[in-house]
Amino acid sequence: MRNDTTTCAIIGGGPAGMVLGLLLARQGVQVTVLEKHADFLRDFRGDTVHPTTLDLLDELGLGERFAALPHTRLERMAFPLPGGGEVSIADFTRLELRHPYIAMVPQWDLLNLLAEAGRDEPTFTLRMSTEVTGLLRDGDRITGVRYRDRAGFGELRAELTVACDGRWSLARQEAGLQVREWPVGFDVWWFKLPVTSGPGASLLPRIANGKTFGLIPREGYVQVAHFIPKGADASLRARGLDAFRRDLLAAVPEAAVPEAAVSEAAVSEAAVPEAAEVSATADSTDGATRKAPEVLASWDDVRMLDVRLNRLRRWHQPGLLCIGDAAHAMSPAGGVGINLAVQDAVATATLLAKPLRRHRLTGKDLDAVRRRRLLPTAVTQTMQRILHRALMGPIITGKALTPPNPLVALLKLFPPLSAVPARLIGVGIRPEHAPFAARRAPGEPRRG
């Protein structure tokens, strides 16, 4: 069995793990990121990059490289009104920000960008195809991880192990950290509809025959979310794929148009009155949209997300810290999970780089991360619980979604108020900024 050492071992090469690894390495901390997969090409990972994360990429000197990635821009969210017209609920363009929009980009492109930046740092190591199988202990202290890679088994000893391994965190489970769960009444089916021109998008649902779908623009295809009652995956699949195709085509009729490019106007005209539309700009390509029966060849094309909303009561043990979904699983409402995880990573790097360099990390240092990030986490999860009650109940039952009349009247009378929910979604509570030592100008070489 191989035995290695590092200062900080990071479990999971997702957004939180990669951002934390890069920021610590740029501050002179020896860091090793362990990712169990051979690459980052996972379907149906979160792909929303919020204004605060875009600002972070600018601070790291990566903004121009990110802007070159294929992506779409979400600028506002609006509800259509029963009598015609629409009302903007969240208008990001009203925010005085460098990036007044949410970027929709495949997560693997973002992770590859961060990995390339990490390779420029001599204290950064990324181990792909390396699955953490357990924690190492010395009494009550976590001293590293056991892992398995293509060469066999090994141990990596570390002064600090950071769990960035998501809502089903092995490290969290092995550490026995207590989780507080809030009930969630829905799960999500994810699948893709190939398209060849940039469609209009609906991140809030389209509804037909009591079934709800959300469309998310991606480069060359649309990612579709179908909201289902909690625990109903097996029974709904038992209805058969043909029944589900009919539900899909009723709500997204343009999916049935063969060999025809779908424009933004076509998608907008196809939307049912109950649909909550999201205005977006997207790069266009040329080609065709296939029929839904051709796209959904089998149930293997439909993935199920078990939606969870929870938070650790304590985020650390001696030698171990949980951040991101490992510390607080978020629901898809608002698409804020990635942004919150990245903010956790920035705060962790800001607070812990100095004690890690000095090899004097204490439990007080670790708890400082929870204390700093608890308020934004708790506020965001409270907002999600409110959205679940106000929106997801009607969505699951297939009822028409219309904002309350007083809210519509207020937003029509004072349109700038749409900047308030836009700020809550796009910026959030207590946004973090990169430590000065980790910042770079575009193209600036490594310091030191």
Protein backbone atom coordinates (compact mmCIF):
# COMPACT_ATOMS: atom_id res chain seq x y z
CA MET A 1 0.00 0.00 0.00
CA ARG A 2 1.31 3.43 -0.97
CA ASN A 3 1.63 6.19 1.63
CA ASP A 4 1.77 9.87 0.69
CA THR A 5 1.45 13.15 2.56
CA THR A 6 0.04 16.59 1.82
CA THR A 7 -1.02 19.61 3.81
CA CYS A 8 -4.65 19.69 2.64
CA ALA A 9 -6.50 16.77 1.04
CA ILE A 10 -9.69 17.72 -0.79
CA ILE A 11 -12.26 15.01 -1.48
CA GLY A 12 -14.12 15.75 -4.72
CA GLY A 13 -13.20 17.69 -7.85
CA GLY A 14 -16.45 19.61 -8.19
CA PRO A 15 -16.71 23.42 -8.16
CA ALA A 16 -16.08 23.73 -4.40
CA GLY A 17 -13.13 21.34 -4.42
CA MET A 18 -11.46 22.82 -7.48
CA VAL A 19 -11.90 26.44 -6.38
CA LEU A 20 -10.61 25.65 -2.89
CA GLY A 21 -7.62 23.74 -4.27
CA LEU A 22 -6.67 26.56 -6.64
CA LEU A 23 -7.03 29.30 -4.03
CA LEU A 24 -5.01 27.44 -1.41
CA ALA A 25 -2.27 26.54 -3.89
CA ARG A 26 -1.98 30.16 -5.01
CA GLN A 27 -1.38 31.05 -1.35
CA GLY A 28 1.43 28.54 -0.99
CA VAL A 29 -0.44 25.64 0.63
CA GLN A 30 0.35 22.12 -0.57
CA VAL A 31 -2.98 20.71 -1.68
CA THR A 32 -4.16 17.46 -3.29
CA VAL A 33 -7.60 17.15 -4.91
CA LEU A 34 -8.92 13.60 -5.30
CA GLU A 35 -11.61 13.06 -7.95
CA LYS A 36 -13.03 9.57 -8.41
CA HIS A 37 -13.89 9.94 -12.10
CA ALA A 38 -11.43 9.91 -15.00
CA ASP A 39 -12.80 13.20 -16.37
CA PHE A 40 -15.38 15.87 -15.58
CA LEU A 41 -17.88 14.81 -18.25
CA ARG A 42 -20.96 14.24 -16.08
CA ASP A 43 -24.45 14.96 -17.41
CA PHE A 44 -27.00 16.89 -15.37
CA ARG A 45 -24.66 18.59 -12.97
CA GLY A 46 -25.53 22.16 -12.07
CA ASP A 47 -24.53 24.59 -14.80
CA THR A 48 -25.47 27.99 -13.37
CA VAL A 49 -22.62 30.43 -12.78
CA HIS A 50 -23.83 33.44 -10.82
CA PRO A 51 -22.52 37.03 -10.97
CA THR A 52 -20.46 36.58 -7.79
CA THR A 53 -18.73 33.52 -9.24
CA LEU A 54 -18.10 35.42 -12.48
CA ASP A 55 -16.50 38.20 -10.42
CA LEU A 56 -14.33 35.60 -8.69
CA LEU A 57 -13.12 34.28 -12.05
CA ASP A 58 -12.18 37.84 -13.01
CA GLU A 59 -10.24 38.24 -9.77
CA LEU A 60 -8.38 35.01 -10.51
CA GLY A 61 -7.45 36.21 -14.00
CA LEU A 62 -9.70 33.59 -15.61
CA GLY A 63 -12.58 35.79 -16.76
CA GLU A 64 -11.49 36.07 -20.38
CA ARG A 65 -10.91 32.33 -20.67
CA PHE A 66 -14.32 31.64 -19.15
CA ALA A 67 -16.00 34.10 -21.54
CA ALA A 68 -14.56 32.09 -24.45
CA LEU A 69 -16.42 28.95 -23.30
CA PRO A 70 -19.74 28.12 -25.01
CA HIS A 71 -22.44 29.53 -22.75
CA THR A 72 -25.77 31.31 -22.65
CA ARG A 73 -26.80 34.27 -20.53
CA LEU A 74 -29.90 34.48 -18.36
CA GLU A 75 -30.82 38.14 -17.89
CA ARG A 76 -34.28 38.08 -16.35
CA MET A 77 -37.13 35.92 -15.09
CA ALA A 78 -40.71 36.82 -15.97
CA PHE A 79 -44.19 35.40 -15.48
CA PRO A 80 -46.71 35.67 -18.33
CA LEU A 81 -50.01 37.11 -17.15
CA PRO A 82 -53.43 35.49 -17.78
CA GLY A 83 -54.69 38.51 -19.73
CA GLY A 84 -51.58 38.75 -21.86
CA GLY A 85 -48.23 40.39 -21.36
CA GLU A 86 -45.77 39.52 -18.64
CA VAL A 87 -44.24 40.85 -15.45
CA SER A 88 -40.54 40.65 -14.62
CA ILE A 89 -39.96 38.97 -11.29
CA ALA A 90 -36.16 39.13 -11.32
CA ASP A 91 -34.27 41.42 -13.69
CA PHE A 92 -30.51 40.97 -13.42
CA THR A 93 -29.83 43.80 -15.86
CA ARG A 94 -31.00 46.25 -13.19
CA LEU A 95 -28.12 45.25 -10.94
CA GLU A 96 -25.04 47.48 -11.00
CA LEU A 97 -22.68 44.57 -11.46
CA ARG A 98 -19.81 43.75 -13.78
CA HIS A 99 -21.82 40.70 -14.88
CA PRO A 100 -25.57 41.43 -14.61
CA TYR A 101 -26.65 37.93 -15.66
CA ILE A 102 -26.36 34.26 -14.81
CA ALA A 103 -24.11 32.32 -17.18
CA MET A 104 -25.28 28.84 -18.18
CA VAL A 105 -22.21 26.76 -19.00
CA PRO A 106 -21.53 23.00 -18.95
CA GLN A 107 -19.95 22.30 -15.58
CA TRP A 108 -17.20 20.18 -17.12
CA ASP A 109 -15.94 23.22 -19.05
CA LEU A 110 -15.72 25.26 -15.84
CA LEU A 111 -13.95 22.44 -14.00
CA ASN A 112 -11.45 21.92 -16.83
CA LEU A 113 -10.69 25.65 -16.74
CA LEU A 114 -10.00 25.50 -13.00
CA ALA A 115 -7.88 22.36 -13.43
CA GLU A 116 -5.75 24.06 -16.10
CA ALA A 117 -5.19 27.02 -13.79
CA GLY A 118 -4.28 24.68 -10.94
CA ARG A 119 -1.61 22.95 -13.01
CA ASP A 120 0.28 26.25 -13.13
CA GLU A 121 0.75 26.12 -9.34
CA PRO A 122 3.63 23.97 -8.00
CA THR A 123 1.77 23.09 -4.78
CA PHE A 124 -1.41 21.93 -6.58
CA THR A 125 -1.99 18.24 -7.36
CA LEU A 126 -5.12 16.83 -9.02
CA ARG A 127 -5.55 13.06 -8.93
CA MET A 128 -8.23 11.82 -11.31
CA SER A 129 -9.63 8.27 -11.16
CA THR A 130 -8.94 8.32 -7.42
CA GLU A 131 -11.84 7.29 -5.21
CA VAL A 132 -11.73 7.98 -1.48
CA THR A 133 -12.82 4.83 0.36
CA GLY A 134 -12.47 5.96 3.97
CA LEU A 135 -10.92 8.29 6.52
CA LEU A 136 -7.67 7.81 8.44
CA ARG A 137 -7.79 8.45 12.18
CA ASP A 138 -5.46 8.96 15.09
CA GLY A 139 -7.76 8.84 18.10
CA ASP A 140 -10.47 11.46 17.58
CA ARG A 141 -8.52 13.25 14.87
CA ILE A 142 -8.94 12.73 11.11
CA THR A 143 -5.44 12.41 9.64
CA GLY A 144 -6.16 11.81 5.95
CA VAL A 145 -7.92 9.41 3.60
CA ARG A 146 -7.76 5.93 2.18
CA TYR A 147 -8.17 5.79 -1.56
CA ARG A 148 -8.31 3.48 -4.56
CA ASP A 149 -6.96 4.33 -7.99
CA ARG A 150 -5.91 2.43 -11.11
CA ALA A 151 -2.71 1.27 -9.43
CA GLY A 152 -4.46 -0.13 -6.37
CA PHE A 153 -4.97 1.12 -2.82
CA GLY A 154 -3.17 3.85 -0.92
CA GLU A 155 -3.25 6.27 1.97
CA LEU A 156 -2.87 10.04 1.85
CA ARG A 157 -2.08 11.70 5.16
CA ALA A 158 -3.03 15.34 5.58
CA GLU A 159 -3.17 18.02 8.25
CA LEU A 160 -6.64 18.90 6.97
CA THR A 161 -9.13 16.90 4.94
CA VAL A 162 -11.92 18.91 3.31
CA ALA A 163 -15.03 17.02 2.23
CA CYS A 164 -16.35 18.48 -1.04
CA ASP A 165 -17.97 15.18 -2.05
CA GLY A 166 -21.57 16.33 -2.24
CA ARG A 167 -24.87 15.55 -0.61
CA TRP A 168 -24.05 11.85 -0.21
CA SER A 169 -20.66 12.62 1.35
CA LEU A 170 -18.76 9.50 2.43
CA ALA A 171 -16.53 11.60 4.67
CA ARG A 172 -19.50 13.17 6.43
CA GLN A 173 -21.05 9.76 6.96
CA GLU A 174 -17.86 8.19 8.31
CA ALA A 175 -17.28 11.14 10.63
CA GLY A 176 -20.77 10.70 12.07
CA LEU A 177 -21.66 14.38 11.75
CA GLN A 178 -25.33 15.09 12.50
CA VAL A 179 -27.54 16.40 9.70
CA ARG A 180 -30.76 18.37 10.05
CA GLU A 181 -33.19 17.50 7.24
CA TRP A 182 -36.14 19.54 5.97
CA PRO A 183 -38.92 17.73 4.08
CA VAL A 184 -39.00 18.20 0.32
CA GLY A 185 -42.08 17.15 -1.64
CA PHE A 186 -40.56 16.68 -5.08
CA ASP A 187 -37.81 15.04 -7.09
CA VAL A 188 -36.57 15.94 -10.57
CA TRP A 189 -36.17 13.96 -13.77
CA TRP A 190 -33.41 15.25 -16.05
CA PHE A 191 -33.00 14.57 -19.76
CA LYS A 192 -31.85 16.25 -22.96
CA LEU A 193 -33.62 17.37 -26.12
CA PRO A 194 -31.17 17.96 -28.98
CA VAL A 195 -31.72 21.26 -30.78
CA THR A 196 -29.60 23.12 -33.25
CA SER A 197 -30.57 26.76 -32.79
CA GLY A 198 -30.49 28.64 -29.53
CA PRO A 199 -34.03 28.25 -28.14
CA GLY A 200 -35.80 30.49 -25.75
CA ALA A 201 -35.64 29.03 -22.28
CA SER A 202 -37.94 28.42 -19.34
CA LEU A 203 -36.21 27.76 -16.05
CA LEU A 204 -39.55 28.11 -14.38
CA PRO A 205 -42.07 25.55 -15.53
CA ARG A 206 -44.23 24.88 -18.51
CA ILE A 207 -47.37 23.01 -17.57
CA ALA A 208 -49.70 20.84 -19.64
CA ASN A 209 -52.15 18.19 -18.47
CA GLY A 210 -50.89 18.54 -14.92
CA LYS A 211 -47.26 17.81 -15.88
CA THR A 212 -44.48 20.34 -15.40
CA PHE A 213 -41.24 20.85 -17.34
CA GLY A 214 -38.44 23.41 -17.16
CA LEU A 215 -36.18 24.10 -20.15
CA ILE A 216 -32.56 25.15 -19.68
CA PRO A 217 -30.55 26.36 -22.70
CA ARG A 218 -27.30 24.56 -23.40
CA GLU A 219 -24.97 24.65 -26.37
CA GLY A 220 -26.66 22.56 -29.09
CA TYR A 221 -29.41 21.10 -26.89
CA VAL A 222 -31.94 21.87 -24.20
CA GLN A 223 -31.68 20.33 -20.75
CA VAL A 224 -35.12 19.51 -19.41
CA ALA A 225 -36.22 19.21 -15.79
CA HIS A 226 -39.47 17.41 -15.04
CA PHE A 227 -40.78 17.84 -11.51
CA ILE A 228 -42.37 14.77 -9.94
CA PRO A 229 -43.81 14.01 -6.49
CA LYS A 230 -41.25 12.82 -3.96
CA GLY A 231 -40.70 9.08 -4.16
CA ALA A 232 -42.84 8.64 -7.30
CA ASP A 233 -39.99 7.67 -9.65
CA ALA A 234 -40.78 3.95 -9.85
CA SER A 235 -44.56 4.31 -10.17
CA LEU A 236 -44.29 6.96 -12.89
CA ARG A 237 -41.83 4.89 -14.88
CA ALA A 238 -44.26 1.99 -14.62
CA ARG A 239 -46.73 4.03 -16.74
CA GLY A 240 -44.40 3.45 -19.67
CA LEU A 241 -42.16 5.65 -21.78
CA ASP A 242 -44.85 6.31 -24.39
CA ALA A 243 -47.09 7.92 -21.78
CA PHE A 244 -44.24 10.14 -20.66
CA ARG A 245 -43.46 11.13 -24.26
CA ARG A 246 -47.09 12.25 -24.67
CA ASP A 247 -46.82 14.34 -21.51
CA LEU A 248 -43.61 15.90 -22.82
CA LEU A 249 -45.02 16.75 -26.25
CA ALA A 250 -48.13 18.31 -24.71
CA ALA A 251 -45.99 20.75 -22.74
CA VAL A 252 -43.10 21.11 -25.22
CA PRO A 253 -44.71 20.65 -28.65
CA GLU A 254 -41.67 21.92 -30.53
CA ALA A 255 -39.90 18.72 -29.46
CA ALA A 256 -42.06 16.94 -32.05
CA VAL A 257 -40.87 19.08 -34.98
CA PRO A 258 -38.43 16.95 -37.02
CA GLU A 259 -35.57 18.45 -39.00
CA ALA A 260 -36.53 22.04 -38.19
CA ALA A 261 -34.55 24.66 -36.38
CA VAL A 262 -36.36 26.03 -33.37
CA SER A 263 -36.03 29.77 -32.89
CA GLU A 264 -36.65 31.79 -29.77
CA ALA A 265 -39.93 32.96 -31.25
CA ALA A 266 -41.08 29.43 -31.97
CA VAL A 267 -40.41 28.36 -28.42
CA SER A 268 -42.17 31.42 -27.04
CA GLU A 269 -45.26 30.83 -29.18
CA ALA A 270 -45.37 27.19 -28.14
CA ALA A 271 -45.40 28.02 -24.44
CA VAL A 272 -48.68 27.34 -22.65
CA PRO A 273 -50.35 30.22 -20.73
CA GLU A 274 -49.30 28.83 -17.37
CA ALA A 275 -45.64 28.75 -18.33
CA ALA A 276 -43.26 30.95 -16.39
CA GLU A 277 -40.85 32.29 -18.99
CA VAL A 278 -37.24 33.26 -18.52
CA SER A 279 -35.68 35.62 -21.05
CA ALA A 280 -32.22 34.58 -22.11
CA THR A 281 -29.73 35.28 -24.85
CA ALA A 282 -28.02 32.32 -26.46
CA ASP A 283 -25.48 31.65 -29.14
CA SER A 284 -27.06 30.07 -32.19
CA THR A 285 -26.00 27.06 -34.22
CA ASP A 286 -27.47 25.37 -37.26
CA GLY A 287 -29.26 22.02 -37.50
CA ALA A 288 -32.38 20.16 -36.53
CA THR A 289 -34.56 19.13 -33.64
CA ARG A 290 -35.46 15.45 -33.46
CA LYS A 291 -38.78 14.00 -32.39
CA ALA A 292 -39.11 13.25 -28.71
CA PRO A 293 -39.66 9.51 -29.35
CA GLU A 294 -36.29 9.43 -31.11
CA VAL A 295 -34.62 11.39 -28.33
CA LEU A 296 -35.95 9.38 -25.38
CA ALA A 297 -34.99 5.96 -26.66
CA SER A 298 -35.28 4.36 -23.22
CA TRP A 299 -35.67 5.19 -19.55
CA ASP A 300 -31.86 5.23 -19.38
CA ASP A 301 -32.08 8.69 -21.00
CA VAL A 302 -34.02 10.00 -17.98
CA ARG A 303 -32.02 10.53 -14.77
CA MET A 304 -33.62 11.08 -11.38
CA LEU A 305 -32.35 13.65 -8.87
CA ASP A 306 -33.32 12.85 -5.29
CA VAL A 307 -33.87 16.40 -4.04
CA ARG A 308 -32.62 17.07 -0.52
CA LEU A 309 -32.50 20.11 1.73
CA ASN A 310 -30.35 19.71 4.82
CA ARG A 311 -27.56 21.25 6.87
CA LEU A 312 -24.93 19.95 9.25
CA ARG A 313 -25.22 21.13 12.84
CA ARG A 314 -21.42 21.05 13.07
CA TRP A 315 -19.26 21.32 9.94
CA HIS A 316 -16.00 19.97 11.33
CA GLN A 317 -14.15 17.46 13.44
CA PRO A 318 -10.47 17.71 14.33
CA GLY A 319 -8.69 17.40 10.98
CA LEU A 320 -11.90 17.40 8.88
CA LEU A 321 -14.09 20.14 7.39
CA CYS A 322 -17.24 19.79 5.25
CA ILE A 323 -18.27 22.52 2.80
CA GLY A 324 -20.68 22.86 -0.12
CA ASP A 325 -23.35 20.18 -0.45
CA ALA A 326 -21.44 18.00 2.01
CA ALA A 327 -22.29 20.61 4.66
CA HIS A 328 -25.64 21.81 3.34
CA ALA A 329 -27.51 20.15 0.47
CA MET A 330 -29.56 22.65 -1.53
CA SER A 331 -32.63 22.06 -3.68
CA PRO A 332 -32.57 23.13 -7.37
CA ALA A 333 -34.81 26.14 -6.54
CA GLY A 334 -33.03 29.24 -7.79
CA GLY A 335 -30.06 27.24 -9.08
CA VAL A 336 -27.94 28.57 -6.21
CA GLY A 337 -26.18 25.39 -5.09
CA ILE A 338 -22.99 25.88 -7.12
CA ASN A 339 -22.67 29.53 -6.17
CA LEU A 340 -23.08 28.77 -2.47
CA ALA A 341 -20.51 25.96 -2.64
CA VAL A 342 -18.01 28.21 -4.42
CA GLN A 343 -18.56 30.93 -1.81
CA ASP A 344 -17.85 28.33 0.91
CA ALA A 345 -14.60 27.45 -0.86
CA VAL A 346 -13.50 31.08 -1.08
CA ALA A 347 -14.24 31.67 2.60
CA THR A 348 -12.36 28.48 3.54
CA ALA A 349 -9.29 29.51 1.55
CA THR A 350 -9.40 33.01 3.02
CA LEU A 351 -9.64 31.82 6.63
CA LEU A 352 -7.42 28.73 6.59
CA ALA A 353 -4.50 29.45 4.23
CA LYS A 354 -2.41 31.18 6.90
CA PRO A 355 -2.81 28.54 9.66
CA LEU A 356 -2.23 25.78 7.09
CA ARG A 357 1.00 27.40 5.89
CA ARG A 358 2.14 27.70 9.50
CA HIS A 359 0.96 24.16 10.30
CA ARG A 360 -0.99 25.50 13.27
CA LEU A 361 -4.58 24.71 12.34
CA THR A 362 -7.02 24.61 15.26
CA GLY A 363 -10.64 23.63 15.79
CA LYS A 364 -11.44 27.31 16.25
CA ASP A 365 -10.05 27.99 12.77
CA LEU A 366 -12.29 25.28 11.29
CA ASP A 367 -15.41 26.50 13.08
CA ALA A 368 -14.71 30.00 11.77
CA VAL A 369 -15.74 28.73 8.32
CA ARG A 370 -19.14 27.60 9.60
CA ARG A 371 -19.63 30.85 11.52
CA ARG A 372 -18.83 32.90 8.43
CA ARG A 373 -21.01 30.90 6.05
CA LEU A 374 -23.95 29.97 8.30
CA LEU A 375 -25.99 33.14 7.73
CA PRO A 376 -25.95 33.03 3.90
CA THR A 377 -26.62 29.29 3.99
CA ALA A 378 -29.53 29.54 6.43
CA VAL A 379 -31.10 32.51 4.62
CA THR A 380 -30.84 30.77 1.24
CA GLN A 381 -32.33 27.54 2.55
CA THR A 382 -35.18 29.47 4.18
CA MET A 383 -35.89 31.15 0.85
CA GLN A 384 -35.90 27.75 -0.84
CA ARG A 385 -38.37 26.37 1.70
CA ILE A 386 -40.67 29.34 1.02
CA LEU A 387 -40.38 28.72 -2.74
CA HIS A 388 -41.17 25.05 -2.20
CA ARG A 389 -44.41 25.93 -0.43
CA ALA A 390 -45.41 28.73 -2.80
CA LEU A 391 -44.39 27.21 -6.14
CA MET A 392 -43.52 23.54 -5.94
CA GLY A 393 -46.87 22.54 -4.43
CA PRO A 394 -48.80 23.97 -7.41
CA ILE A 395 -46.16 22.63 -9.81
CA ILE A 396 -46.49 19.07 -8.54
CA THR A 397 -50.30 19.22 -8.67
CA GLY A 398 -50.26 20.82 -12.13
CA LYS A 399 -52.07 23.99 -11.11
CA ALA A 400 -51.70 27.26 -12.98
CA LEU A 401 -48.86 29.41 -11.72
CA THR A 402 -49.65 33.09 -11.45
CA PRO A 403 -48.01 35.54 -9.08
CA PRO A 404 -50.27 37.16 -6.45
CA ASN A 405 -52.20 40.15 -7.81
CA PRO A 406 -50.73 42.61 -5.26
CA LEU A 407 -47.22 41.55 -6.30
CA VAL A 408 -48.06 41.99 -9.99
CA ALA A 409 -49.49 45.45 -9.33
CA LEU A 410 -46.44 46.44 -7.29
CA LEU A 411 -43.95 45.24 -9.90
CA LYS A 412 -45.87 46.96 -12.70
CA LEU A 413 -45.96 50.19 -10.73
CA PHE A 414 -42.30 49.99 -9.65
CA PRO A 415 -40.38 47.81 -12.16
CA PRO A 416 -37.02 48.51 -10.43
CA LEU A 417 -38.25 46.32 -7.55
CA SER A 418 -37.43 43.32 -9.77
CA ALA A 419 -33.80 44.01 -8.86
CA VAL A 420 -34.44 42.82 -5.28
CA PRO A 421 -35.09 39.13 -6.06
CA ALA A 422 -32.43 39.36 -8.77
CA ARG A 423 -29.88 40.38 -6.14
CA LEU A 424 -31.00 37.66 -3.74
CA ILE A 425 -30.62 35.03 -6.48
CA GLY A 426 -27.61 36.39 -8.34
CA VAL A 427 -25.52 37.80 -5.50
CA GLY A 428 -26.95 36.37 -2.32
CA ILE A 429 -25.98 37.15 1.26
CA ARG A 430 -22.35 37.99 2.07
CA PRO A 431 -20.59 37.41 -1.26
CA GLU A 432 -16.95 36.38 -0.96
CA HIS A 433 -13.92 37.69 -2.84
CA ALA A 434 -10.64 35.99 -3.69
CA PRO A 435 -7.79 36.53 -1.22
CA PHE A 436 -5.34 39.09 -2.58
CA ALA A 437 -2.50 36.56 -2.75
CA ALA A 438 -4.60 34.34 -5.03
CA ARG A 439 -5.53 37.07 -7.50
CA ARG A 440 -4.02 37.39 -10.96
CA ALA A 441 -4.38 39.69 -13.92
CA PRO A 442 -5.28 37.92 -17.19
CA GLY A 443 -2.16 36.20 -18.47
CA GLU A 444 -0.14 37.10 -15.37
CA PRO A 445 2.47 34.43 -14.61
CA ARG A 446 2.64 32.58 -11.33
CA ARG A 447 4.00 34.65 -8.47
CA GLY A 448 7.06 33.62 -6.50
